[in-house]
């Protein structure tokens, strides 16, 4: 099980990314638009730099919903390989059959 603080920090990052995502996209579009003046683009870049770093979607880490494990994450099922195997062995995931020999 991952530390509670890491899981909570990741949840905060995800919330910030959702809240400030539209503003961040708008500022990035202005900063990359070559048809605008240099001053306008530079001003958008400065505003983008003032935004919190954790509001960027790249900083959100995929974590297992069951254990909080950050590695070996299955996007479709939103859990790690270890949790997937345990729940599959218990028969809690419909359609999943774990082979053992």
PDB file of N, CA and C in Angstrom:
ATOM      1  N   UNK A   1       0.842  -1.175   0.000  1.00  0.00           N
ATOM      2  CA  UNK A   1       0.000   0.000   0.000  1.00  0.00           C
ATOM      3  C   UNK A   1       0.888   1.240   0.000  1.00  0.00           C
ATOM      4  N   UNK A   2       0.545   2.183  -0.842  1.00  0.00           N
ATOM      5  CA  UNK A   2       1.314   3.420  -0.932  1.00  0.00           C
ATOM      6  C   UNK A   2       1.018   4.309   0.277  1.00  0.00           C
ATOM      7  N   UNK A   3       1.920   5.269   0.511  1.00  0.00           N
ATOM      8  CA  UNK A   3       1.704   6.209   1.606  1.00  0.00           C
ATOM      9  C   UNK A   3       0.464   7.046   1.315  1.00  0.00           C
ATOM     10  N   UNK A   4      -0.286   7.309   2.370  1.00  0.00           N
ATOM     11  CA  UNK A   4      -1.513   8.097   2.225  1.00  0.00           C
ATOM     12  C   UNK A   4      -1.207   9.495   1.680  1.00  0.00           C
ATOM     13  N   UNK A   5      -0.072  10.049   2.085  1.00  0.00           N
ATOM     14  CA  UNK A   5       0.274  11.402   1.648  1.00  0.00           C
ATOM     15  C   UNK A   5       0.494  11.452   0.135  1.00  0.00           C
ATOM     16  N   UNK A   6       1.108  10.424  -0.426  1.00  0.00           N
ATOM     17  CA  UNK A   6       1.338  10.387  -1.876  1.00  0.00           C
ATOM     18  C   UNK A   6       0.015  10.288  -2.633  1.00  0.00           C
ATOM     19  N   UNK A   7      -0.884   9.475  -2.104  1.00  0.00           N
ATOM     20  CA  UNK A   7      -2.187   9.316  -2.748  1.00  0.00           C
ATOM     21  C   UNK A   7      -2.969  10.626  -2.689  1.00  0.00           C
ATOM     22  N   UNK A   8      -2.951  11.286  -1.540  1.00  0.00           N
ATOM     23  CA  UNK A   8      -3.676  12.548  -1.370  1.00  0.00           C
ATOM     24  C   UNK A   8      -3.081  13.652  -2.236  1.00  0.00           C
ATOM     25  N   UNK A   9      -1.751  13.722  -2.310  1.00  0.00           N
ATOM     26  CA  UNK A   9      -1.103  14.722  -3.171  1.00  0.00           C
ATOM     27  C   UNK A   9      -1.493  14.517  -4.623  1.00  0.00           C
ATOM     28  N   UNK A  10      -1.575  13.273  -5.036  1.00  0.00           N
ATOM     29  CA  UNK A  10      -1.950  12.977  -6.413  1.00  0.00           C
ATOM     30  C   UNK A  10      -3.398  13.385  -6.684  1.00  0.00           C
ATOM     31  N   UNK A  11      -4.274  13.195  -5.694  1.00  0.00           N
ATOM     32  CA  UNK A  11      -5.667  13.616  -5.847  1.00  0.00           C
ATOM     33  C   UNK A  11      -5.769  15.133  -5.973  1.00  0.00           C
ATOM     34  N   UNK A  12      -4.962  15.860  -5.180  1.00  0.00           N
ATOM     35  CA  UNK A  12      -4.947  17.321  -5.265  1.00  0.00           C
ATOM     36  C   UNK A  12      -4.475  17.780  -6.633  1.00  0.00           C
ATOM     37  N   UNK A  13      -3.439  17.111  -7.157  1.00  0.00           N
ATOM     38  CA  UNK A  13      -2.934  17.452  -8.486  1.00  0.00           C
ATOM     39  C   UNK A  13      -3.998  17.222  -9.547  1.00  0.00           C
ATOM     40  N   UNK A  14      -4.719  16.120  -9.442  1.00  0.00           N
ATOM     41  CA  UNK A  14      -5.761  15.815 -10.417  1.00  0.00           C
ATOM     42  C   UNK A  14      -6.872  16.863 -10.375  1.00  0.00           C
ATOM     43  N   UNK A  15      -7.259  17.290  -9.161  1.00  0.00           N
ATOM     44  CA  UNK A  15      -8.292  18.321  -9.031  1.00  0.00           C
ATOM     45  C   UNK A  15      -7.823  19.647  -9.619  1.00  0.00           C
ATOM     46  N   UNK A  16      -6.584  20.026  -9.327  1.00  0.00           N
ATOM     47  CA  UNK A  16      -6.044  21.276  -9.871  1.00  0.00           C
ATOM     48  C   UNK A  16      -5.969  21.226 -11.393  1.00  0.00           C
ATOM     49  N   UNK A  17      -5.589  20.073 -11.932  1.00  0.00           N
ATOM     50  CA  UNK A  17      -5.480  19.936 -13.383  1.00  0.00           C
ATOM     51  C   UNK A  17      -6.841  20.103 -14.049  1.00  0.00           C
ATOM     52  N   UNK A  18      -7.885  19.608 -13.412  1.00  0.00           N
ATOM     53  CA  UNK A  18      -9.235  19.756 -13.956  1.00  0.00           C
ATOM     54  C   UNK A  18      -9.697  21.208 -13.843  1.00  0.00           C
ATOM     55  N   UNK A  19      -9.449  21.823 -12.691  1.00  0.00           N
ATOM     56  CA  UNK A  19      -9.907  23.190 -12.462  1.00  0.00           C
ATOM     57  C   UNK A  19      -9.223  24.195 -13.377  1.00  0.00           C
ATOM     58  N   UNK A  20      -7.915  24.081 -13.519  1.00  0.00           N
ATOM     59  CA  UNK A  20      -7.146  25.091 -14.243  1.00  0.00           C
ATOM     60  C   UNK A  20      -6.757  24.657 -15.648  1.00  0.00           C
ATOM     61  N   UNK A  21      -7.255  23.519 -16.089  1.00  0.00           N
ATOM     62  CA  UNK A  21      -6.872  22.986 -17.394  1.00  0.00           C
ATOM     63  C   UNK A  21      -7.258  23.881 -18.556  1.00  0.00           C
ATOM     64  N   UNK A  22      -8.476  24.426 -18.525  1.00  0.00           N
ATOM     65  CA  UNK A  22      -8.955  25.258 -19.630  1.00  0.00           C
ATOM     66  C   UNK A  22      -8.128  26.543 -19.740  1.00  0.00           C
ATOM     67  N   UNK A  23      -7.840  27.157 -18.601  1.00  0.00           N
ATOM     68  CA  UNK A  23      -7.045  28.393 -18.608  1.00  0.00           C
ATOM     69  C   UNK A  23      -5.631  28.112 -19.117  1.00  0.00           C
ATOM     70  N   UNK A  24      -5.063  26.992 -18.685  1.00  0.00           N
ATOM     71  CA  UNK A  24      -3.723  26.620 -19.110  1.00  0.00           C
ATOM     72  C   UNK A  24      -3.681  26.383 -20.624  1.00  0.00           C
ATOM     73  N   UNK A  25      -4.677  25.700 -21.162  1.00  0.00           N
ATOM     74  CA  UNK A  25      -4.734  25.457 -22.609  1.00  0.00           C
ATOM     75  C   UNK A  25      -4.863  26.758 -23.387  1.00  0.00           C
ATOM     76  N   UNK A  26      -5.707  27.674 -22.873  1.00  0.00           N
ATOM     77  CA  UNK A  26      -5.900  28.954 -23.549  1.00  0.00           C
ATOM     78  C   UNK A  26      -4.596  29.757 -23.573  1.00  0.00           C
ATOM     79  N   UNK A  27      -3.889  29.794 -22.437  1.00  0.00           N
ATOM     80  CA  UNK A  27      -2.628  30.542 -22.376  1.00  0.00           C
ATOM     81  C   UNK A  27      -1.566  29.915 -23.277  1.00  0.00           C
ATOM     82  N   UNK A  28      -1.519  28.589 -23.323  1.00  0.00           N
ATOM     83  CA  UNK A  28      -0.543  27.920 -24.190  1.00  0.00           C
ATOM     84  C   UNK A  28      -0.830  28.198 -25.658  1.00  0.00           C
ATOM     85  N   UNK A  29      -2.110  28.242 -26.028  1.00  0.00           N
ATOM     86  CA  UNK A  29      -2.472  28.541 -27.416  1.00  0.00           C
ATOM     87  C   UNK A  29      -2.037  29.965 -27.784  1.00  0.00           C
ATOM     88  N   UNK A  30      -2.224  30.904 -26.863  1.00  0.00           N
ATOM     89  CA  UNK A  30      -1.802  32.285 -27.115  1.00  0.00           C
ATOM     90  C   UNK A  30      -0.283  32.354 -27.231  1.00  0.00           C
ATOM     91  N   UNK A  31       0.427  31.656 -26.357  1.00  0.00           N
ATOM     92  CA  UNK A  31       1.889  31.705 -26.357  1.00  0.00           C
ATOM     93  C   UNK A  31       2.480  31.093 -27.629  1.00  0.00           C
ATOM     94  N   UNK A  32       1.796  30.133 -28.228  1.00  0.00           N
ATOM     95  CA  UNK A  32       2.315  29.477 -29.432  1.00  0.00           C
ATOM     96  C   UNK A  32       1.844  30.124 -30.738  1.00  0.00           C
ATOM     97  N   UNK A  33       0.861  31.025 -30.653  1.00  0.00           N
ATOM     98  CA  UNK A  33       0.288  31.641 -31.848  1.00  0.00           C
ATOM     99  C   UNK A  33       1.255  32.670 -32.435  1.00  0.00           C
ATOM    100  N   UNK A  34       1.804  32.363 -33.590  1.00  0.00           N
ATOM    101  CA  UNK A  34       2.799  33.244 -34.236  1.00  0.00           C
ATOM    102  C   UNK A  34       2.177  34.502 -34.839  1.00  0.00           C
ATOM    103  N   UNK A  35       0.865  34.508 -35.034  1.00  0.00           N
ATOM    104  CA  UNK A  35       0.225  35.678 -35.637  1.00  0.00           C
ATOM    105  C   UNK A  35       0.074  36.832 -34.636  1.00  0.00           C
ATOM    106  N   UNK A  36       0.187  36.545 -33.353  1.00  0.00           N
ATOM    107  CA  UNK A  36       0.095  37.590 -32.333  1.00  0.00           C
ATOM    108  C   UNK A  36       1.439  38.289 -32.152  1.00  0.00           C
ATOM    109  N   UNK A  37       1.404  39.442 -31.503  1.00  0.00           N
ATOM    110  CA  UNK A  37       2.642  40.186 -31.277  1.00  0.00           C
ATOM    111  C   UNK A  37       3.494  39.489 -30.208  1.00  0.00           C
ATOM    112  N   UNK A  38       4.759  39.848 -30.188  1.00  0.00           N
ATOM    113  CA  UNK A  38       5.691  39.254 -29.238  1.00  0.00           C
ATOM    114  C   UNK A  38       5.303  39.603 -27.807  1.00  0.00           C
ATOM    115  N   UNK A  39       4.817  40.828 -27.594  1.00  0.00           N
ATOM    116  CA  UNK A  39       4.437  41.257 -26.256  1.00  0.00           C
ATOM    117  C   UNK A  39       3.274  40.424 -25.715  1.00  0.00           C
ATOM    118  N   UNK A  40       2.272  40.188 -26.563  1.00  0.00           N
ATOM    119  CA  UNK A  40       1.121  39.393 -26.133  1.00  0.00           C
ATOM    120  C   UNK A  40       1.526  37.959 -25.804  1.00  0.00           C
ATOM    121  N   UNK A  41       2.361  37.398 -26.638  1.00  0.00           N
ATOM    122  CA  UNK A  41       2.821  36.027 -26.408  1.00  0.00           C
ATOM    123  C   UNK A  41       3.667  35.940 -25.144  1.00  0.00           C
ATOM    124  N   UNK A  42       4.513  36.932 -24.930  1.00  0.00           N
ATOM    125  CA  UNK A  42       5.367  36.939 -23.738  1.00  0.00           C
ATOM    126  C   UNK A  42       4.526  37.096 -22.473  1.00  0.00           C
ATOM    127  N   UNK A  43       3.501  37.947 -22.548  1.00  0.00           N
ATOM    128  CA  UNK A  43       2.607  38.133 -21.405  1.00  0.00           C
ATOM    129  C   UNK A  43       1.877  36.824 -21.071  1.00  0.00           C
ATOM    130  N   UNK A  44       1.440  36.097 -22.086  1.00  0.00           N
ATOM    131  CA  UNK A  44       0.779  34.808 -21.857  1.00  0.00           C
ATOM    132  C   UNK A  44       1.753  33.814 -21.238  1.00  0.00           C
ATOM    133  N   UNK A  45       3.006  33.857 -21.670  1.00  0.00           N
ATOM    134  CA  UNK A  45       4.026  32.970 -21.111  1.00  0.00           C
ATOM    135  C   UNK A  45       4.266  33.281 -19.634  1.00  0.00           C
ATOM    136  N   UNK A  46       4.293  34.558 -19.285  1.00  0.00           N
ATOM    137  CA  UNK A  46       4.482  34.942 -17.885  1.00  0.00           C
ATOM    138  C   UNK A  46       3.304  34.495 -17.018  1.00  0.00           C
ATOM    139  N   UNK A  47       2.082  34.653 -17.532  1.00  0.00           N
ATOM    140  CA  UNK A  47       0.909  34.205 -16.782  1.00  0.00           C
ATOM    141  C   UNK A  47       0.922  32.692 -16.605  1.00  0.00           C
ATOM    142  N   UNK A  48       1.379  31.999 -17.630  1.00  0.00           N
ATOM    143  CA  UNK A  48       1.473  30.540 -17.556  1.00  0.00           C
ATOM    144  C   UNK A  48       2.498  30.126 -16.507  1.00  0.00           C
ATOM    145  N   UNK A  49       3.594  30.867 -16.401  1.00  0.00           N
ATOM    146  CA  UNK A  49       4.636  30.562 -15.422  1.00  0.00           C
ATOM    147  C   UNK A  49       4.161  30.848 -13.995  1.00  0.00           C
ATOM    148  N   UNK A  50       3.215  31.776 -13.832  1.00  0.00           N
ATOM    149  CA  UNK A  50       2.699  32.098 -12.502  1.00  0.00           C
ATOM    150  C   UNK A  50       1.721  31.046 -11.982  1.00  0.00           C
ATOM    151  N   UNK A  51       1.158  30.273 -12.871  1.00  0.00           N
ATOM    152  CA  UNK A  51       0.192  29.250 -12.446  1.00  0.00           C
ATOM    153  C   UNK A  51       0.904  28.174 -11.640  1.00  0.00           C
ATOM    154  N   UNK A  52       0.187  27.502 -10.735  1.00  0.00           N
ATOM    155  CA  UNK A  52       0.833  26.447  -9.942  1.00  0.00           C
ATOM    156  C   UNK A  52       1.302  25.294 -10.823  1.00  0.00           C
ATOM    157  N   UNK A  53       2.456  24.759 -10.499  1.00  0.00           N
ATOM    158  CA  UNK A  53       3.013  23.659 -11.283  1.00  0.00           C
ATOM    159  C   UNK A  53       2.126  22.424 -11.247  1.00  0.00           C
ATOM    160  N   UNK A  54       1.503  22.200 -10.103  1.00  0.00           N
ATOM    161  CA  UNK A  54       0.681  21.007  -9.951  1.00  0.00           C
ATOM    162  C   UNK A  54      -0.616  21.068 -10.748  1.00  0.00           C
ATOM    163  N   UNK A  55      -0.901  22.190 -11.398  1.00  0.00           N
ATOM    164  CA  UNK A  55      -2.102  22.269 -12.217  1.00  0.00           C
ATOM    165  C   UNK A  55      -1.878  21.694 -13.607  1.00  0.00           C
ATOM    166  N   UNK A  56      -0.661  21.262 -13.882  1.00  0.00           N
ATOM    167  CA  UNK A  56      -0.339  20.675 -15.184  1.00  0.00           C
ATOM    168  C   UNK A  56      -0.732  19.193 -15.171  1.00  0.00           C
ATOM    169  N   UNK A  57      -1.382  18.748 -16.234  1.00  0.00           N
ATOM    170  CA  UNK A  57      -1.883  17.370 -16.294  1.00  0.00           C
ATOM    171  C   UNK A  57      -0.738  16.356 -16.296  1.00  0.00           C
ATOM    172  N   UNK A  58       0.446  16.762 -16.726  1.00  0.00           N
ATOM    173  CA  UNK A  58       1.579  15.835 -16.776  1.00  0.00           C
ATOM    174  C   UNK A  58       2.058  15.413 -15.397  1.00  0.00           C
ATOM    175  N   UNK A  59       1.732  16.184 -14.389  1.00  0.00           N
ATOM    176  CA  UNK A  59       2.208  15.866 -13.041  1.00  0.00           C
ATOM    177  C   UNK A  59       1.310  14.878 -12.306  1.00  0.00           C
ATOM    178  N   UNK A  60       0.154  14.545 -12.890  1.00  0.00           N
ATOM    179  CA  UNK A  60      -0.741  13.567 -12.269  1.00  0.00           C
ATOM    180  C   UNK A  60      -0.213  12.175 -12.590  1.00  0.00           C
ATOM    181  N   UNK A  61      -0.069  11.368 -11.563  1.00  0.00           N
ATOM    182  CA  UNK A  61       0.486  10.023 -11.710  1.00  0.00           C
ATOM    183  C   UNK A  61      -0.647   9.008 -11.697  1.00  0.00           C
ATOM    184  N   UNK A  62      -0.613   8.065 -12.635  1.00  0.00           N
ATOM    185  CA  UNK A  62      -1.597   6.989 -12.616  1.00  0.00           C
ATOM    186  C   UNK A  62      -1.297   6.075 -11.439  1.00  0.00           C
ATOM    187  N   UNK A  63      -2.286   5.871 -10.581  1.00  0.00           N
ATOM    188  CA  UNK A  63      -2.116   5.020  -9.408  1.00  0.00           C
ATOM    189  C   UNK A  63      -3.250   4.016  -9.337  1.00  0.00           C
ATOM    190  N   UNK A  64      -2.950   2.873  -8.742  1.00  0.00           N
ATOM    191  CA  UNK A  64      -3.928   1.813  -8.551  1.00  0.00           C
ATOM    192  C   UNK A  64      -5.035   2.307  -7.625  1.00  0.00           C
ATOM    193  N   UNK A  65      -6.285   2.065  -8.012  1.00  0.00           N
ATOM    194  CA  UNK A  65      -7.419   2.482  -7.187  1.00  0.00           C
ATOM    195  C   UNK A  65      -7.499   1.676  -5.892  1.00  0.00           C
ATOM    196  N   UNK A  66      -6.989   0.448  -5.919  1.00  0.00           N
ATOM    197  CA  UNK A  66      -7.098  -0.432  -4.758  1.00  0.00           C
ATOM    198  C   UNK A  66      -5.972  -0.180  -3.764  1.00  0.00           C
ATOM    199  N   UNK A  67      -4.730  -0.187  -4.252  1.00  0.00           N
ATOM    200  CA  UNK A  67      -3.577  -0.110  -3.352  1.00  0.00           C
ATOM    201  C   UNK A  67      -2.827   1.210  -3.406  1.00  0.00           C
ATOM    202  N   UNK A  68      -2.973   1.978  -4.472  1.00  0.00           N
ATOM    203  CA  UNK A  68      -2.230   3.221  -4.623  1.00  0.00           C
ATOM    204  C   UNK A  68      -0.869   3.030  -5.255  1.00  0.00           C
ATOM    205  N   UNK A  69      -0.577   1.827  -5.718  1.00  0.00           N
ATOM    206  CA  UNK A  69       0.715   1.530  -6.324  1.00  0.00           C
ATOM    207  C   UNK A  69       0.880   2.318  -7.636  1.00  0.00           C
ATOM    208  N   UNK A  70       2.034   2.998  -7.815  1.00  0.00           N
ATOM    209  CA  UNK A  70       2.206   3.828  -9.005  1.00  0.00           C
ATOM    210  C   UNK A  70       2.741   3.084 -10.229  1.00  0.00           C
ATOM    211  N   UNK A  71       3.275   1.899 -10.042  1.00  0.00           N
ATOM    212  CA  UNK A  71       3.879   1.186 -11.168  1.00  0.00           C
ATOM    213  C   UNK A  71       3.043  -0.016 -11.561  1.00  0.00           C
ATOM    214  N   UNK A  72       3.294  -0.527 -12.769  1.00  0.00           N
ATOM    215  CA  UNK A  72       2.577  -1.682 -13.319  1.00  0.00           C
ATOM    216  C   UNK A  72       1.080  -1.413 -13.307  1.00  0.00           C
ATOM    217  N   UNK A  73       0.684  -0.250 -13.830  1.00  0.00           N
ATOM    218  CA  UNK A  73      -0.697   0.220 -13.802  1.00  0.00           C
ATOM    219  C   UNK A  73      -1.399  -0.173 -15.098  1.00  0.00           C
ATOM    220  N   UNK A  74      -2.587  -0.749 -14.982  1.00  0.00           N
ATOM    221  CA  UNK A  74      -3.409  -1.103 -16.138  1.00  0.00           C
ATOM    222  C   UNK A  74      -4.456  -0.008 -16.313  1.00  0.00           C
ATOM    223  N   UNK A  75      -4.399   0.736 -17.414  1.00  0.00           N
ATOM    224  CA  UNK A  75      -5.291   1.876 -17.598  1.00  0.00           C
ATOM    225  C   UNK A  75      -6.745   1.467 -17.745  1.00  0.00           C
ATOM    226  N   UNK A  76      -6.971   0.364 -18.407  1.00  0.00           N
ATOM    227  CA  UNK A  76      -8.346  -0.060 -18.651  1.00  0.00           C
ATOM    228  C   UNK A  76      -9.075  -0.392 -17.344  1.00  0.00           C
ATOM    229  N   UNK A  77      -8.391  -1.056 -16.442  1.00  0.00           N
ATOM    230  CA  UNK A  77      -9.007  -1.482 -15.188  1.00  0.00           C
ATOM    231  C   UNK A  77      -8.675  -0.571 -14.015  1.00  0.00           C
ATOM    232  N   UNK A  78      -7.762   0.380 -14.212  1.00  0.00           N
ATOM    233  CA  UNK A  78      -7.340   1.344 -13.187  1.00  0.00           C
ATOM    234  C   UNK A  78      -6.810   0.667 -11.932  1.00  0.00           C
ATOM    235  N   UNK A  79      -6.011  -0.378 -12.122  1.00  0.00           N
ATOM    236  CA  UNK A  79      -5.387  -1.038 -10.979  1.00  0.00           C
ATOM    237  C   UNK A  79      -4.064  -1.648 -11.409  1.00  0.00           C
ATOM    238  N   UNK A  80      -3.246  -1.972 -10.426  1.00  0.00           N
ATOM    239  CA  UNK A  80      -1.940  -2.539 -10.701  1.00  0.00           C
ATOM    240  C   UNK A  80      -2.057  -4.027 -11.001  1.00  0.00           C
ATOM    241  N   UNK A  81      -0.990  -4.581 -11.521  1.00  0.00           N
ATOM    242  CA  UNK A  81      -0.988  -5.999 -11.887  1.00  0.00           C
ATOM    243  C   UNK A  81      -1.175  -6.890 -10.659  1.00  0.00           C
ATOM    244  N   UNK A  82      -0.650  -6.457  -9.519  1.00  0.00           N
ATOM    245  CA  UNK A  82      -0.735  -7.267  -8.304  1.00  0.00           C
ATOM    246  C   UNK A  82      -2.175  -7.314  -7.793  1.00  0.00           C
ATOM    247  N   UNK A  83      -2.827  -6.151  -7.747  1.00  0.00           N
ATOM    248  CA  UNK A  83      -4.218  -6.108  -7.306  1.00  0.00           C
ATOM    249  C   UNK A  83      -5.116  -6.849  -8.294  1.00  0.00           C
ATOM    250  N   UNK A  84      -4.795  -6.731  -9.577  1.00  0.00           N
ATOM    251  CA  UNK A  84      -5.565  -7.434 -10.602  1.00  0.00           C
ATOM    252  C   UNK A  84      -5.467  -8.940 -10.416  1.00  0.00           C
ATOM    253  N   UNK A  85      -4.291  -9.419 -10.133  1.00  0.00           N
ATOM    254  CA  UNK A  85      -4.103 -10.856  -9.934  1.00  0.00           C
ATOM    255  C   UNK A  85      -4.842 -11.353  -8.690  1.00  0.00           C
ATOM    256  N   UNK A  86      -4.744 -10.598  -7.592  1.00  0.00           N
ATOM    257  CA  UNK A  86      -5.412 -11.005  -6.357  1.00  0.00           C
ATOM    258  C   UNK A  86      -6.934 -11.051  -6.530  1.00  0.00           C
ATOM    259  N   UNK A  87      -7.490  -9.993  -7.121  1.00  0.00           N
ATOM    260  CA  UNK A  87      -8.941  -9.961  -7.305  1.00  0.00           C
ATOM    261  C   UNK A  87      -9.393 -10.990  -8.332  1.00  0.00           C
ATOM    262  N   UNK A  88      -8.550 -11.236  -9.340  1.00  0.00           N
ATOM    263  CA  UNK A  88      -8.876 -12.262 -10.329  1.00  0.00           C
ATOM    264  C   UNK A  88      -8.870 -13.649  -9.727  1.00  0.00           C
ATOM    265  N   UNK A  89      -7.941 -13.900  -8.823  1.00  0.00           N
ATOM    266  CA  UNK A  89      -7.873 -15.207  -8.158  1.00  0.00           C
ATOM    267  C   UNK A  89      -9.090 -15.453  -7.277  1.00  0.00           C
ATOM    268  N   UNK A  90      -9.596 -14.395  -6.675  1.00  0.00           N
ATOM    269  CA  UNK A  90     -10.771 -14.519  -5.816  1.00  0.00           C
ATOM    270  C   UNK A  90     -12.071 -14.562  -6.623  1.00  0.00           C
ATOM    271  N   UNK A  91     -11.972 -14.286  -7.923  1.00  0.00           N
ATOM    272  CA  UNK A  91     -13.160 -14.309  -8.776  1.00  0.00           C
ATOM    273  C   UNK A  91     -14.001 -13.055  -8.681  1.00  0.00           C
ATOM    274  N   UNK A  92     -13.395 -11.927  -8.307  1.00  0.00           N
ATOM    275  CA  UNK A  92     -14.141 -10.677  -8.134  1.00  0.00           C
ATOM    276  C   UNK A  92     -14.191  -9.824  -9.395  1.00  0.00           C
ATOM    277  N   UNK A  93     -13.426 -10.205 -10.419  1.00  0.00           N
ATOM    278  CA  UNK A  93     -13.430  -9.446 -11.680  1.00  0.00           C
ATOM    279  C   UNK A  93     -14.147 -10.309 -12.719  1.00  0.00           C
ATOM    280  N   UNK A  94     -15.308  -9.851 -13.209  1.00  0.00           N
ATOM    281  CA  UNK A  94     -16.061 -10.653 -14.171  1.00  0.00           C
ATOM    282  C   UNK A  94     -15.302 -10.804 -15.483  1.00  0.00           C
ATOM    283  N   UNK A  95     -15.293 -12.026 -15.991  1.00  0.00           N
ATOM    284  CA  UNK A  95     -14.654 -12.305 -17.271  1.00  0.00           C
ATOM    285  C   UNK A  95     -13.183 -12.579 -17.194  1.00  0.00           C
ATOM    286  N   UNK A  96     -12.575 -12.467 -16.040  1.00  0.00           N
ATOM    287  CA  UNK A  96     -11.138 -12.705 -15.897  1.00  0.00           C
ATOM    288  C   UNK A  96     -10.910 -14.076 -15.279  1.00  0.00           C
ATOM    289  N   UNK A  97     -10.112 -14.858 -15.969  1.00  0.00           N
ATOM    290  CA  UNK A  97      -9.774 -16.186 -15.469  1.00  0.00           C
ATOM    291  C   UNK A  97      -8.268 -16.244 -15.326  1.00  0.00           C
ATOM    292  N   UNK A  98      -7.781 -16.466 -14.112  1.00  0.00           N
ATOM    293  CA  UNK A  98      -6.344 -16.563 -13.896  1.00  0.00           C
ATOM    294  C   UNK A  98      -5.940 -18.025 -14.048  1.00  0.00           C
ATOM    295  N   UNK A  99      -5.041 -18.252 -14.946  1.00  0.00           N
ATOM    296  CA  UNK A  99      -4.597 -19.627 -15.145  1.00  0.00           C
ATOM    297  C   UNK A  99      -3.515 -19.959 -14.143  1.00  0.00           C
ATOM    298  N   UNK A 100      -3.555 -21.172 -13.642  1.00  0.00           N
ATOM    299  CA  UNK A 100      -2.512 -21.647 -12.765  1.00  0.00           C
ATOM    300  C   UNK A 100      -2.321 -23.125 -13.045  1.00  0.00           C
ATOM    301  N   UNK A 101      -1.070 -23.535 -13.074  1.00  0.00           N
ATOM    302  CA  UNK A 101      -0.787 -24.941 -13.362  1.00  0.00           C
ATOM    303  C   UNK A 101       0.331 -25.449 -12.506  1.00  0.00           C
TER     304      UNK A 101
END
